[in-house]
Amino acid sequence: MIPAGEVLGTWIAVGLTLMMFSFIYKDNPAFKFGEHLYLGISVGYYVNIQYWSTIYPLVFQAMKQQHNYWVLIPTILGIFILLRIIPSMSWLSRMAFALYIGGFAGYSLPLIVHSLLLPQLSQTLQPYSGGPGPVINQIIILVAVFSTLIYFFFSLEHRRTVGMISRLGIVFIMVSFGASFGYTVMARISLLIGRFQYIIESGHIMFPWTRS
């Protein structure tokens, strides 16, 4: 005997899935309800997670147990960000955003250079060895990087040789965008198949009398 709670939960999950899929036909109240319900639950869930994993230990416990009242400064700046929804006090949010963006940019720029830029440069300039296949791959990567950089080099007029190289860079950029889009479509199709599989496999729970 399947518990009634599991049957009800399965009906709700399948119903919400069909509500979201109804947007394929057209925008309708069922989709709006499912969309708002999903957003509301997601926001409430993540607010709760952020409070107990970040705000409570780093602010309240720090002040109560360690007597560290310096945490009030970033807390107040965080409150300033929320004041953006109040037009008369939205100017305070600009101060917080400016400090946040400036500090984050200064902190993350060296990390990005060391973790993303330099490794890619080292991979681009590796010595050619190992056979014709790896050598061809390295040459293609080198040409792609060079032509793409030339395309974004706007100090030179893109004519003649520079124009030919920049157009080659456009080809590599489009190939990259196409591959990224293909991976995105594959991920979305995987989610779609997962939901269809869930609906099909939920039939024996939604309709217990159909079980063999």
C-alpha atoms as a PDB file:
ATOM      1  CA  MET A   1       0.000   0.000   0.000  1.00  0.00           C
ATOM      2  CA  ILE A   2       1.457   3.334  -1.093  1.00  0.00           C
ATOM      3  CA  PRO A   3       1.144   6.072   1.566  1.00  0.00           C
ATOM      4  CA  ALA A   4      -1.417   8.758   0.775  1.00  0.00           C
ATOM      5  CA  GLY A   5       1.196  11.480   1.243  1.00  0.00           C
ATOM      6  CA  GLU A   6       3.389   9.991  -1.485  1.00  0.00           C
ATOM      7  CA  VAL A   7       0.436   9.736  -3.867  1.00  0.00           C
ATOM      8  CA  LEU A   8      -0.561  13.357  -3.183  1.00  0.00           C
ATOM      9  CA  GLY A   9       3.014  14.579  -3.587  1.00  0.00           C
ATOM     10  CA  THR A  10       3.350  12.755  -6.906  1.00  0.00           C
ATOM     11  CA  TRP A  11       0.101  14.267  -8.192  1.00  0.00           C
ATOM     12  CA  ILE A  12       1.314  17.742  -7.215  1.00  0.00           C
ATOM     13  CA  ALA A  13       4.733  17.224  -8.834  1.00  0.00           C
ATOM     14  CA  VAL A  14       3.246  15.901 -12.075  1.00  0.00           C
ATOM     15  CA  GLY A  15       0.621  18.666 -12.104  1.00  0.00           C
ATOM     16  CA  LEU A  16       3.237  21.384 -11.677  1.00  0.00           C
ATOM     17  CA  THR A  17       5.376  19.798 -14.397  1.00  0.00           C
ATOM     18  CA  LEU A  18       2.440  19.856 -16.817  1.00  0.00           C
ATOM     19  CA  MET A  19       1.710  23.469 -15.830  1.00  0.00           C
ATOM     20  CA  MET A  20       5.233  24.479 -16.808  1.00  0.00           C
ATOM     21  CA  PHE A  21       5.062  22.484 -20.049  1.00  0.00           C
ATOM     22  CA  SER A  22       1.779  24.226 -20.936  1.00  0.00           C
ATOM     23  CA  PHE A  23       3.819  27.295 -21.915  1.00  0.00           C
ATOM     24  CA  ILE A  24       4.849  25.366 -25.045  1.00  0.00           C
ATOM     25  CA  TYR A  25       1.277  25.917 -26.286  1.00  0.00           C
ATOM     26  CA  LYS A  26       0.883  29.526 -25.107  1.00  0.00           C
ATOM     27  CA  ASP A  27       1.121  31.723 -22.047  1.00  0.00           C
ATOM     28  CA  ASN A  28      -1.712  30.836 -19.677  1.00  0.00           C
ATOM     29  CA  PRO A  29      -2.770  31.193 -16.006  1.00  0.00           C
ATOM     30  CA  ALA A  30      -1.622  27.652 -15.158  1.00  0.00           C
ATOM     31  CA  PHE A  31       1.917  28.442 -16.288  1.00  0.00           C
ATOM     32  CA  LYS A  32       1.856  31.765 -14.423  1.00  0.00           C
ATOM     33  CA  PHE A  33       0.798  29.976 -11.239  1.00  0.00           C
ATOM     34  CA  GLY A  34       3.540  27.360 -11.576  1.00  0.00           C
ATOM     35  CA  GLU A  35       6.142  30.004 -12.405  1.00  0.00           C
ATOM     36  CA  HIS A  36       5.282  32.222  -9.435  1.00  0.00           C
ATOM     37  CA  LEU A  37       5.071  29.230  -7.101  1.00  0.00           C
ATOM     38  CA  TYR A  38       8.491  27.988  -8.230  1.00  0.00           C
ATOM     39  CA  LEU A  39      10.088  31.417  -7.846  1.00  0.00           C
ATOM     40  CA  GLY A  40       8.500  32.004  -4.451  1.00  0.00           C
ATOM     41  CA  ILE A  41       9.573  28.634  -3.053  1.00  0.00           C
ATOM     42  CA  SER A  42      13.083  29.020  -4.512  1.00  0.00           C
ATOM     43  CA  VAL A  43      13.542  32.491  -3.036  1.00  0.00           C
ATOM     44  CA  GLY A  44      12.241  31.396   0.360  1.00  0.00           C
ATOM     45  CA  TYR A  45      14.458  28.312   0.364  1.00  0.00           C
ATOM     46  CA  TYR A  46      17.636  30.179  -0.575  1.00  0.00           C
ATOM     47  CA  VAL A  47      16.923  33.018   1.846  1.00  0.00           C
ATOM     48  CA  ASN A  48      16.623  30.449   4.630  1.00  0.00           C
ATOM     49  CA  ILE A  49      19.838  28.710   3.522  1.00  0.00           C
ATOM     50  CA  GLN A  50      21.738  32.002   3.321  1.00  0.00           C
ATOM     51  CA  TYR A  51      20.511  33.103   6.738  1.00  0.00           C
ATOM     52  CA  TRP A  52      21.545  29.964   8.606  1.00  0.00           C
ATOM     53  CA  SER A  53      24.780  29.350   6.657  1.00  0.00           C
ATOM     54  CA  THR A  54      26.032  32.931   6.293  1.00  0.00           C
ATOM     55  CA  ILE A  55      24.194  35.671   8.179  1.00  0.00           C
ATOM     56  CA  TYR A  56      23.642  33.860  11.472  1.00  0.00           C
ATOM     57  CA  PRO A  57      27.182  32.442  11.982  1.00  0.00           C
ATOM     58  CA  LEU A  58      29.100  35.376  10.484  1.00  0.00           C
ATOM     59  CA  VAL A  59      27.055  38.205  12.018  1.00  0.00           C
ATOM     60  CA  PHE A  60      25.053  37.205  15.079  1.00  0.00           C
ATOM     61  CA  GLN A  61      27.384  34.522  16.415  1.00  0.00           C
ATOM     62  CA  ALA A  62      30.433  36.683  15.681  1.00  0.00           C
ATOM     63  CA  MET A  63      28.993  39.541  17.741  1.00  0.00           C
ATOM     64  CA  LYS A  64      27.654  37.326  20.523  1.00  0.00           C
ATOM     65  CA  GLN A  65      30.528  34.880  20.999  1.00  0.00           C
ATOM     66  CA  GLN A  66      33.581  36.737  19.662  1.00  0.00           C
ATOM     67  CA  HIS A  67      32.402  40.304  20.368  1.00  0.00           C
ATOM     68  CA  ASN A  68      33.418  41.223  16.838  1.00  0.00           C
ATOM     69  CA  TYR A  69      31.309  44.273  16.064  1.00  0.00           C
ATOM     70  CA  TRP A  70      33.211  45.124  12.883  1.00  0.00           C
ATOM     71  CA  VAL A  71      30.835  42.796  11.069  1.00  0.00           C
ATOM     72  CA  LEU A  72      28.184  45.501  11.426  1.00  0.00           C
ATOM     73  CA  ILE A  73      29.877  47.480   8.633  1.00  0.00           C
ATOM     74  CA  PRO A  74      29.332  44.892   5.855  1.00  0.00           C
ATOM     75  CA  THR A  75      25.924  44.103   7.358  1.00  0.00           C
ATOM     76  CA  ILE A  76      24.844  47.727   7.021  1.00  0.00           C
ATOM     77  CA  LEU A  77      26.215  47.833   3.472  1.00  0.00           C
ATOM     78  CA  GLY A  78      24.188  44.731   2.678  1.00  0.00           C
ATOM     79  CA  ILE A  79      21.070  46.435   4.022  1.00  0.00           C
ATOM     80  CA  PHE A  80      21.883  49.439   1.830  1.00  0.00           C
ATOM     81  CA  ILE A  81      21.735  47.166  -1.230  1.00  0.00           C
ATOM     82  CA  LEU A  82      18.189  46.149  -0.289  1.00  0.00           C
ATOM     83  CA  LEU A  83      17.187  49.824  -0.068  1.00  0.00           C
ATOM     84  CA  ARG A  84      17.291  49.965  -3.862  1.00  0.00           C
ATOM     85  CA  ILE A  85      13.623  48.971  -3.869  1.00  0.00           C
ATOM     86  CA  ILE A  86      12.777  52.227  -2.026  1.00  0.00           C
ATOM     87  CA  PRO A  87      13.089  55.116  -4.529  1.00  0.00           C
ATOM     88  CA  SER A  88      13.715  57.792  -1.902  1.00  0.00           C
ATOM     89  CA  MET A  89      16.611  55.806  -0.374  1.00  0.00           C
ATOM     90  CA  SER A  90      17.968  54.075  -3.465  1.00  0.00           C
ATOM     91  CA  TRP A  91      20.997  56.389  -3.522  1.00  0.00           C
ATOM     92  CA  LEU A  92      22.373  54.494  -0.525  1.00  0.00           C
ATOM     93  CA  SER A  93      22.474  51.314  -2.596  1.00  0.00           C
ATOM     94  CA  ARG A  94      24.869  52.969  -5.062  1.00  0.00           C
ATOM     95  CA  MET A  95      27.457  53.375  -2.312  1.00  0.00           C
ATOM     96  CA  ALA A  96      27.174  49.710  -1.359  1.00  0.00           C
ATOM     97  CA  PHE A  97      27.273  48.536  -4.982  1.00  0.00           C
ATOM     98  CA  ALA A  98      30.324  50.699  -5.703  1.00  0.00           C
ATOM     99  CA  LEU A  99      32.248  49.276  -2.740  1.00  0.00           C
ATOM    100  CA  TYR A 100      31.157  45.732  -3.528  1.00  0.00           C
ATOM    101  CA  ILE A 101      32.011  45.875  -7.235  1.00  0.00           C
ATOM    102  CA  GLY A 102      35.320  47.665  -6.638  1.00  0.00           C
ATOM    103  CA  GLY A 103      36.399  45.295  -3.878  1.00  0.00           C
ATOM    104  CA  PHE A 104      35.281  42.204  -5.771  1.00  0.00           C
ATOM    105  CA  ALA A 105      37.039  43.336  -8.950  1.00  0.00           C
ATOM    106  CA  GLY A 106      40.279  44.052  -7.100  1.00  0.00           C
ATOM    107  CA  TYR A 107      40.110  40.738  -5.240  1.00  0.00           C
ATOM    108  CA  SER A 108      39.096  38.525  -8.157  1.00  0.00           C
ATOM    109  CA  LEU A 109      41.212  40.024 -10.952  1.00  0.00           C
ATOM    110  CA  PRO A 110      44.514  38.400  -9.831  1.00  0.00           C
ATOM    111  CA  LEU A 111      42.704  35.106  -9.241  1.00  0.00           C
ATOM    112  CA  ILE A 112      41.164  35.185 -12.711  1.00  0.00           C
ATOM    113  CA  VAL A 113      44.521  35.981 -14.304  1.00  0.00           C
ATOM    114  CA  HIS A 114      46.280  33.116 -12.499  1.00  0.00           C
ATOM    115  CA  SER A 115      43.474  30.562 -12.786  1.00  0.00           C
ATOM    116  CA  LEU A 116      42.066  31.307 -16.256  1.00  0.00           C
ATOM    117  CA  LEU A 117      44.270  33.553 -18.380  1.00  0.00           C
ATOM    118  CA  LEU A 118      47.749  32.183 -17.666  1.00  0.00           C
ATOM    119  CA  PRO A 119      46.774  28.471 -17.932  1.00  0.00           C
ATOM    120  CA  GLN A 120      45.103  29.135 -21.287  1.00  0.00           C
ATOM    121  CA  LEU A 121      48.177  30.971 -22.541  1.00  0.00           C
ATOM    122  CA  SER A 122      50.413  28.123 -21.420  1.00  0.00           C
ATOM    123  CA  GLN A 123      48.148  25.596 -23.167  1.00  0.00           C
ATOM    124  CA  THR A 124      48.206  27.702 -26.328  1.00  0.00           C
ATOM    125  CA  LEU A 125      52.008  27.922 -26.419  1.00  0.00           C
ATOM    126  CA  GLN A 126      52.847  24.305 -25.634  1.00  0.00           C
ATOM    127  CA  PRO A 127      55.708  22.732 -27.661  1.00  0.00           C
ATOM    128  CA  TYR A 128      54.653  20.779 -30.715  1.00  0.00           C
ATOM    129  CA  SER A 129      55.344  17.105 -30.083  1.00  0.00           C
ATOM    130  CA  GLY A 130      53.662  13.735 -29.965  1.00  0.00           C
ATOM    131  CA  GLY A 131      52.707  13.176 -33.585  1.00  0.00           C
ATOM    132  CA  PRO A 132      50.762  14.903 -36.364  1.00  0.00           C
ATOM    133  CA  GLY A 133      47.417  14.932 -34.527  1.00  0.00           C
ATOM    134  CA  PRO A 134      48.498  16.946 -31.469  1.00  0.00           C
ATOM    135  CA  VAL A 135      50.600  19.241 -33.675  1.00  0.00           C
ATOM    136  CA  ILE A 136      47.584  20.063 -35.874  1.00  0.00           C
ATOM    137  CA  ASN A 137      45.447  20.673 -32.785  1.00  0.00           C
ATOM    138  CA  GLN A 138      48.024  23.056 -31.342  1.00  0.00           C
ATOM    139  CA  ILE A 139      48.283  24.952 -34.626  1.00  0.00           C
ATOM    140  CA  ILE A 140      44.489  25.301 -34.844  1.00  0.00           C
ATOM    141  CA  ILE A 141      44.314  26.553 -31.249  1.00  0.00           C
ATOM    142  CA  LEU A 142      47.120  29.036 -31.859  1.00  0.00           C
ATOM    143  CA  VAL A 143      45.496  30.366 -35.044  1.00  0.00           C
ATOM    144  CA  ALA A 144      42.092  30.575 -33.328  1.00  0.00           C
ATOM    145  CA  VAL A 145      43.448  32.515 -30.360  1.00  0.00           C
ATOM    146  CA  PHE A 146      45.480  34.893 -32.524  1.00  0.00           C
ATOM    147  CA  SER A 147      42.682  35.606 -35.031  1.00  0.00           C
ATOM    148  CA  THR A 148      40.102  36.089 -32.272  1.00  0.00           C
ATOM    149  CA  LEU A 149      42.349  38.569 -30.475  1.00  0.00           C
ATOM    150  CA  ILE A 150      42.884  40.436 -33.760  1.00  0.00           C
ATOM    151  CA  TYR A 151      39.103  40.685 -34.209  1.00  0.00           C
ATOM    152  CA  PHE A 152      38.793  42.446 -30.837  1.00  0.00           C
ATOM    153  CA  PHE A 153      41.790  44.694 -31.550  1.00  0.00           C
ATOM    154  CA  PHE A 154      39.927  47.821 -32.643  1.00  0.00           C
ATOM    155  CA  SER A 155      42.941  50.138 -32.830  1.00  0.00           C
ATOM    156  CA  LEU A 156      43.696  48.800 -36.318  1.00  0.00           C
ATOM    157  CA  GLU A 157      41.343  49.155 -39.259  1.00  0.00           C
ATOM    158  CA  HIS A 158      40.065  45.740 -40.291  1.00  0.00           C
ATOM    159  CA  ARG A 159      41.158  45.865 -43.919  1.00  0.00           C
ATOM    160  CA  ARG A 160      43.357  43.697 -46.141  1.00  0.00           C
ATOM    161  CA  THR A 161      45.474  41.295 -44.067  1.00  0.00           C
ATOM    162  CA  VAL A 162      44.062  42.404 -40.719  1.00  0.00           C
ATOM    163  CA  GLY A 163      40.535  42.126 -42.119  1.00  0.00           C
ATOM    164  CA  MET A 164      41.154  38.577 -43.370  1.00  0.00           C
ATOM    165  CA  ILE A 165      42.556  37.508 -39.998  1.00  0.00           C
ATOM    166  CA  SER A 166      39.654  39.131 -38.113  1.00  0.00           C
ATOM    167  CA  ARG A 167      37.111  37.389 -40.366  1.00  0.00           C
ATOM    168  CA  LEU A 168      38.825  34.101 -39.574  1.00  0.00           C
ATOM    169  CA  GLY A 169      38.463  35.022 -35.902  1.00  0.00           C
ATOM    170  CA  ILE A 170      34.721  35.519 -36.463  1.00  0.00           C
ATOM    171  CA  VAL A 171      34.520  31.959 -37.792  1.00  0.00           C
ATOM    172  CA  PHE A 172      36.184  30.560 -34.666  1.00  0.00           C
ATOM    173  CA  ILE A 173      33.936  32.705 -32.446  1.00  0.00           C
ATOM    174  CA  MET A 174      30.821  31.387 -34.206  1.00  0.00           C
ATOM    175  CA  VAL A 175      32.082  27.815 -33.837  1.00  0.00           C
ATOM    176  CA  SER A 176      32.603  28.437 -30.117  1.00  0.00           C
ATOM    177  CA  PHE A 177      29.127  29.943 -29.751  1.00  0.00           C
ATOM    178  CA  GLY A 178      27.627  27.026 -31.652  1.00  0.00           C
ATOM    179  CA  ALA A 179      29.352  24.478 -29.429  1.00  0.00           C
ATOM    180  CA  SER A 180      28.210  26.328 -26.298  1.00  0.00           C
ATOM    181  CA  PHE A 181      24.644  26.497 -27.615  1.00  0.00           C
ATOM    182  CA  GLY A 182      24.760  22.802 -28.484  1.00  0.00           C
ATOM    183  CA  TYR A 183      25.850  21.891 -24.960  1.00  0.00           C
ATOM    184  CA  THR A 184      23.062  24.095 -23.571  1.00  0.00           C
ATOM    185  CA  VAL A 185      20.456  22.388 -25.755  1.00  0.00           C
ATOM    186  CA  MET A 186      21.766  18.970 -24.702  1.00  0.00           C
ATOM    187  CA  ALA A 187      21.445  19.941 -21.043  1.00  0.00           C
ATOM    188  CA  ARG A 188      17.884  21.226 -21.544  1.00  0.00           C
ATOM    189  CA  ILE A 189      16.882  18.113 -23.485  1.00  0.00           C
ATOM    190  CA  SER A 190      18.317  16.001 -20.673  1.00  0.00           C
ATOM    191  CA  LEU A 191      16.118  17.869 -18.184  1.00  0.00           C
ATOM    192  CA  LEU A 192      13.096  17.411 -20.458  1.00  0.00           C
ATOM    193  CA  ILE A 193      13.720  13.675 -20.787  1.00  0.00           C
ATOM    194  CA  GLY A 194      14.100  13.441 -17.019  1.00  0.00           C
ATOM    195  CA  ARG A 195      10.710  15.069 -16.442  1.00  0.00           C
ATOM    196  CA  PHE A 196       9.012  12.866 -19.038  1.00  0.00           C
ATOM    197  CA  GLN A 197      10.581   9.809 -17.455  1.00  0.00           C
ATOM    198  CA  TYR A 198       9.376  10.951 -14.033  1.00  0.00           C
ATOM    199  CA  ILE A 199       5.817  11.399 -15.326  1.00  0.00           C
ATOM    200  CA  ILE A 200       5.802   7.970 -16.966  1.00  0.00           C
ATOM    201  CA  GLU A 201       7.279   6.214 -13.924  1.00  0.00           C
ATOM    202  CA  SER A 202       4.847   8.002 -11.594  1.00  0.00           C
ATOM    203  CA  GLY A 203       1.839   6.320 -13.182  1.00  0.00           C
ATOM    204  CA  HIS A 204       1.856   3.372 -10.768  1.00  0.00           C
ATOM    205  CA  ILE A 205       1.886   5.797  -7.824  1.00  0.00           C
ATOM    206  CA  MET A 206      -0.810   8.128  -9.151  1.00  0.00           C
ATOM    207  CA  PHE A 207      -3.015   5.202 -10.172  1.00  0.00           C
ATOM    208  CA  PRO A 208      -2.278   2.377  -7.699  1.00  0.00           C
ATOM    209  CA  TRP A 209      -4.826   0.057  -9.302  1.00  0.00           C
ATOM    210  CA  THR A 210      -2.714  -0.079 -12.497  1.00  0.00           C
ATOM    211  CA  ARG A 211       0.128  -1.863 -10.734  1.00  0.00           C
ATOM    212  CA  SER A 212       0.570  -5.458 -11.764  1.00  0.00           C
END
